[in-house]
Structure formats: structure tokens, C-alpha cells
């Protein structure tokens, strides 16, 4: 099933740009994801079974590195 995910990361520290950029770059290393960027979020389109394990891994890594982070995630199914 093809899904669309909109994700925003908020790094709760003074130097917030570096952790956000690192997260986006990590997502970009997965060629099965189609990424679109905006000022407030990143959109991901792909197969549910591809996206969810990648998000699990990348969010876990980010939270281990910077626990003072907030992720806002919207997921929509049935996308073409």
C-alpha cells in the first residue's frame, strides 16, 4: 500500500538546525523513499512496508542522539 507521510522534527536546543538536517540527510539515504521538502516539514511517499521500518530506525537514532526532540507525523493511506 502506497502511503504519504508528513513529518516535522523540532530539536529543542539552541543549535536546532544541525540535528534536523542530519535527520533529513539520513532519510535521503533510502532510495525507496520519495522525499519532498518544505520549510516546516518533509513529505515522504512510498510503500508502507518500506517507510515504517525506516522511520522507526531513523527516529530512534535521532532520539538517542538528541532526546530533547519532538516529532509530528501525519500519515495518509491510499495515495497514488
N, C-alpha and C. Protein backbone atom coordinates (compact mmCIF):
# COMPACT_ATOMS: atom_id res chain seq x y z
N UNK A 1 0.84 -1.18 0.00
CA UNK A 1 0.00 0.00 0.00
C UNK A 1 0.88 1.24 0.00
N UNK A 2 0.62 2.14 -0.94
CA UNK A 2 1.36 3.40 -1.01
C UNK A 2 0.76 4.38 -0.01
N UNK A 3 1.65 5.00 0.78
CA UNK A 3 1.22 5.99 1.77
C UNK A 3 2.00 7.27 1.58
N UNK A 4 1.49 8.31 2.21
CA UNK A 4 2.17 9.60 2.28
C UNK A 4 2.34 9.95 3.74
N UNK A 5 3.52 10.38 4.11
CA UNK A 5 3.81 10.78 5.48
C UNK A 5 4.35 12.20 5.46
N UNK A 6 3.82 13.03 6.32
CA UNK A 6 4.37 14.37 6.53
C UNK A 6 4.99 14.37 7.91
N UNK A 7 6.28 14.68 8.00
CA UNK A 7 6.97 14.63 9.28
C UNK A 7 7.71 15.93 9.53
N UNK A 8 7.60 16.40 10.76
CA UNK A 8 8.34 17.58 11.22
C UNK A 8 9.11 17.19 12.46
N UNK A 9 10.37 17.62 12.52
CA UNK A 9 11.19 17.39 13.70
C UNK A 9 11.50 18.74 14.32
N UNK A 10 11.33 18.81 15.63
CA UNK A 10 11.67 20.01 16.38
C UNK A 10 12.74 19.62 17.40
N UNK A 11 13.96 20.08 17.18
CA UNK A 11 15.06 19.83 18.10
C UNK A 11 15.05 20.94 19.15
N UNK A 12 14.83 20.55 20.39
CA UNK A 12 14.64 21.54 21.45
C UNK A 12 15.98 21.93 22.07
N UNK A 13 16.77 22.66 21.28
CA UNK A 13 18.04 23.17 21.76
C UNK A 13 18.40 24.40 20.92
N UNK A 14 19.37 25.17 21.38
CA UNK A 14 19.74 26.40 20.68
C UNK A 14 20.21 26.12 19.26
N UNK A 15 21.06 25.13 19.09
CA UNK A 15 21.55 24.77 17.76
C UNK A 15 20.64 23.69 17.18
N UNK A 16 19.45 24.09 16.77
CA UNK A 16 18.43 23.14 16.34
C UNK A 16 18.58 22.69 14.89
N UNK A 17 19.27 23.47 14.07
CA UNK A 17 19.34 23.16 12.64
C UNK A 17 20.14 21.90 12.34
N UNK A 18 21.25 21.68 13.01
CA UNK A 18 22.13 20.55 12.72
C UNK A 18 21.43 19.19 12.92
N UNK A 19 20.73 18.96 14.04
CA UNK A 19 20.05 17.67 14.19
C UNK A 19 18.93 17.45 13.17
N UNK A 20 18.23 18.51 12.81
CA UNK A 20 17.16 18.39 11.81
C UNK A 20 17.77 18.05 10.45
N UNK A 21 18.83 18.74 10.09
CA UNK A 21 19.50 18.46 8.82
C UNK A 21 20.03 17.03 8.79
N UNK A 22 20.59 16.56 9.90
CA UNK A 22 21.11 15.18 9.97
C UNK A 22 19.98 14.17 9.77
N UNK A 23 18.82 14.44 10.37
CA UNK A 23 17.67 13.54 10.22
C UNK A 23 17.22 13.49 8.76
N UNK A 24 17.11 14.64 8.13
CA UNK A 24 16.68 14.70 6.73
C UNK A 24 17.69 13.98 5.83
N UNK A 25 18.98 14.20 6.08
CA UNK A 25 20.00 13.52 5.29
C UNK A 25 19.94 12.01 5.47
N UNK A 26 19.64 11.55 6.67
CA UNK A 26 19.51 10.11 6.92
C UNK A 26 18.34 9.53 6.14
N UNK A 27 17.23 10.26 6.09
CA UNK A 27 16.09 9.79 5.30
C UNK A 27 16.47 9.72 3.81
N UNK A 28 17.26 10.67 3.36
CA UNK A 28 17.65 10.73 1.96
C UNK A 28 18.54 9.58 1.51
N UNK A 29 19.10 8.83 2.44
CA UNK A 29 19.95 7.69 2.11
C UNK A 29 19.15 6.45 1.71
N UNK A 30 17.84 6.54 1.77
CA UNK A 30 16.97 5.41 1.45
C UNK A 30 16.31 5.67 0.09
N UNK A 31 16.83 5.04 -0.97
CA UNK A 31 16.35 5.34 -2.32
C UNK A 31 14.89 4.94 -2.57
N UNK A 32 14.33 4.08 -1.75
CA UNK A 32 12.94 3.66 -1.95
C UNK A 32 11.94 4.72 -1.47
N UNK A 33 12.42 5.78 -0.83
CA UNK A 33 11.55 6.86 -0.37
C UNK A 33 11.61 8.02 -1.35
N UNK A 34 10.44 8.57 -1.65
CA UNK A 34 10.37 9.80 -2.45
C UNK A 34 10.15 10.95 -1.47
N UNK A 35 11.13 11.84 -1.37
CA UNK A 35 11.08 12.94 -0.40
C UNK A 35 10.80 14.26 -1.10
N UNK A 36 9.98 15.08 -0.44
CA UNK A 36 9.71 16.45 -0.86
C UNK A 36 9.88 17.32 0.37
N UNK A 37 10.55 18.44 0.22
CA UNK A 37 10.88 19.29 1.35
C UNK A 37 10.12 20.60 1.30
N UNK A 38 9.74 21.08 2.48
CA UNK A 38 9.19 22.42 2.63
C UNK A 38 9.83 23.05 3.86
N UNK A 39 9.49 24.27 4.15
CA UNK A 39 10.11 24.98 5.27
C UNK A 39 9.77 24.36 6.62
N UNK A 40 8.58 23.74 6.73
CA UNK A 40 8.14 23.24 8.03
C UNK A 40 8.10 21.72 8.14
N UNK A 41 8.23 21.00 7.03
CA UNK A 41 8.11 19.55 7.11
C UNK A 41 8.75 18.88 5.90
N UNK A 42 8.87 17.58 6.00
CA UNK A 42 9.31 16.74 4.91
C UNK A 42 8.19 15.77 4.58
N UNK A 43 7.87 15.63 3.30
CA UNK A 43 6.86 14.67 2.87
C UNK A 43 7.55 13.46 2.27
N UNK A 44 7.02 12.29 2.62
CA UNK A 44 7.57 11.03 2.16
C UNK A 44 6.45 10.24 1.49
N UNK A 45 6.72 9.72 0.31
CA UNK A 45 5.77 8.86 -0.38
C UNK A 45 6.48 7.55 -0.67
N UNK A 46 5.77 6.46 -0.42
CA UNK A 46 6.34 5.15 -0.70
C UNK A 46 5.45 4.05 -0.17
N UNK A 47 5.97 2.84 -0.23
CA UNK A 47 5.23 1.69 0.27
C UNK A 47 5.27 1.66 1.80
N UNK A 48 4.13 1.39 2.40
CA UNK A 48 4.01 1.34 3.85
C UNK A 48 5.08 0.45 4.47
N UNK A 49 5.31 -0.72 3.88
CA UNK A 49 6.26 -1.69 4.43
C UNK A 49 7.71 -1.23 4.28
N UNK A 50 7.97 -0.28 3.42
CA UNK A 50 9.30 0.33 3.32
C UNK A 50 9.44 1.49 4.29
N UNK A 51 8.44 2.36 4.30
CA UNK A 51 8.53 3.60 5.08
C UNK A 51 8.58 3.36 6.58
N UNK A 52 7.70 2.52 7.10
CA UNK A 52 7.57 2.41 8.55
C UNK A 52 8.84 1.90 9.25
N UNK A 53 9.51 0.86 8.74
CA UNK A 53 10.76 0.45 9.40
C UNK A 53 11.86 1.51 9.32
N UNK A 54 11.89 2.24 8.20
CA UNK A 54 12.89 3.30 8.05
C UNK A 54 12.61 4.42 9.05
N UNK A 55 11.36 4.84 9.16
CA UNK A 55 11.03 5.88 10.14
C UNK A 55 11.34 5.42 11.55
N UNK A 56 11.02 4.18 11.87
CA UNK A 56 11.31 3.63 13.19
C UNK A 56 12.81 3.74 13.48
N UNK A 57 13.62 3.31 12.54
CA UNK A 57 15.07 3.33 12.70
C UNK A 57 15.61 4.76 12.82
N UNK A 58 15.20 5.63 11.91
CA UNK A 58 15.77 6.98 11.88
C UNK A 58 15.30 7.83 13.05
N UNK A 59 14.05 7.70 13.45
CA UNK A 59 13.57 8.44 14.63
C UNK A 59 14.27 7.93 15.89
N UNK A 60 14.42 6.62 16.00
CA UNK A 60 15.11 6.05 17.16
C UNK A 60 16.55 6.58 17.25
N UNK A 61 17.25 6.60 16.13
CA UNK A 61 18.61 7.13 16.10
C UNK A 61 18.64 8.60 16.52
N UNK A 62 17.71 9.38 16.00
CA UNK A 62 17.67 10.81 16.34
C UNK A 62 17.38 11.02 17.82
N UNK A 63 16.46 10.25 18.36
CA UNK A 63 16.11 10.41 19.78
C UNK A 63 17.24 9.94 20.70
N UNK A 64 18.01 8.95 20.26
CA UNK A 64 19.17 8.54 21.06
C UNK A 64 20.21 9.65 21.06
N UNK A 65 20.37 10.32 19.93
CA UNK A 65 21.34 11.40 19.81
C UNK A 65 20.87 12.66 20.54
N UNK A 66 19.60 12.99 20.38
CA UNK A 66 19.04 14.20 20.99
C UNK A 66 17.65 13.89 21.54
N UNK A 67 17.58 13.40 22.79
CA UNK A 67 16.27 13.05 23.37
C UNK A 67 15.31 14.23 23.47
N UNK A 68 15.85 15.44 23.48
CA UNK A 68 15.01 16.64 23.57
C UNK A 68 14.50 17.03 22.19
N UNK A 69 13.78 16.12 21.57
CA UNK A 69 13.22 16.35 20.24
C UNK A 69 11.75 15.98 20.23
N UNK A 70 11.03 16.64 19.35
CA UNK A 70 9.61 16.34 19.15
C UNK A 70 9.42 16.04 17.67
N UNK A 71 8.68 14.97 17.38
CA UNK A 71 8.34 14.62 16.00
C UNK A 71 6.82 14.71 15.84
N UNK A 72 6.39 15.40 14.82
CA UNK A 72 4.98 15.47 14.47
C UNK A 72 4.84 14.70 13.15
N UNK A 73 3.96 13.69 13.15
CA UNK A 73 3.84 12.81 11.99
C UNK A 73 2.37 12.71 11.58
N UNK A 74 2.11 12.93 10.29
CA UNK A 74 0.79 12.69 9.71
C UNK A 74 0.95 11.64 8.64
N UNK A 75 0.08 10.64 8.65
CA UNK A 75 0.17 9.54 7.72
C UNK A 75 -1.16 9.41 6.99
N UNK A 76 -1.07 9.27 5.68
CA UNK A 76 -2.26 9.13 4.85
C UNK A 76 -2.10 7.91 3.96
N UNK A 77 -3.10 7.04 3.97
CA UNK A 77 -3.07 5.85 3.13
C UNK A 77 -3.79 6.09 1.82
N UNK A 78 -3.68 5.13 0.95
CA UNK A 78 -4.41 5.17 -0.32
C UNK A 78 -3.91 6.21 -1.28
N UNK A 79 -2.65 6.61 -1.18
CA UNK A 79 -2.09 7.61 -2.10
C UNK A 79 -1.62 6.92 -3.37
N UNK A 80 -1.63 7.68 -4.45
CA UNK A 80 -1.19 7.13 -5.74
C UNK A 80 0.01 7.86 -6.23
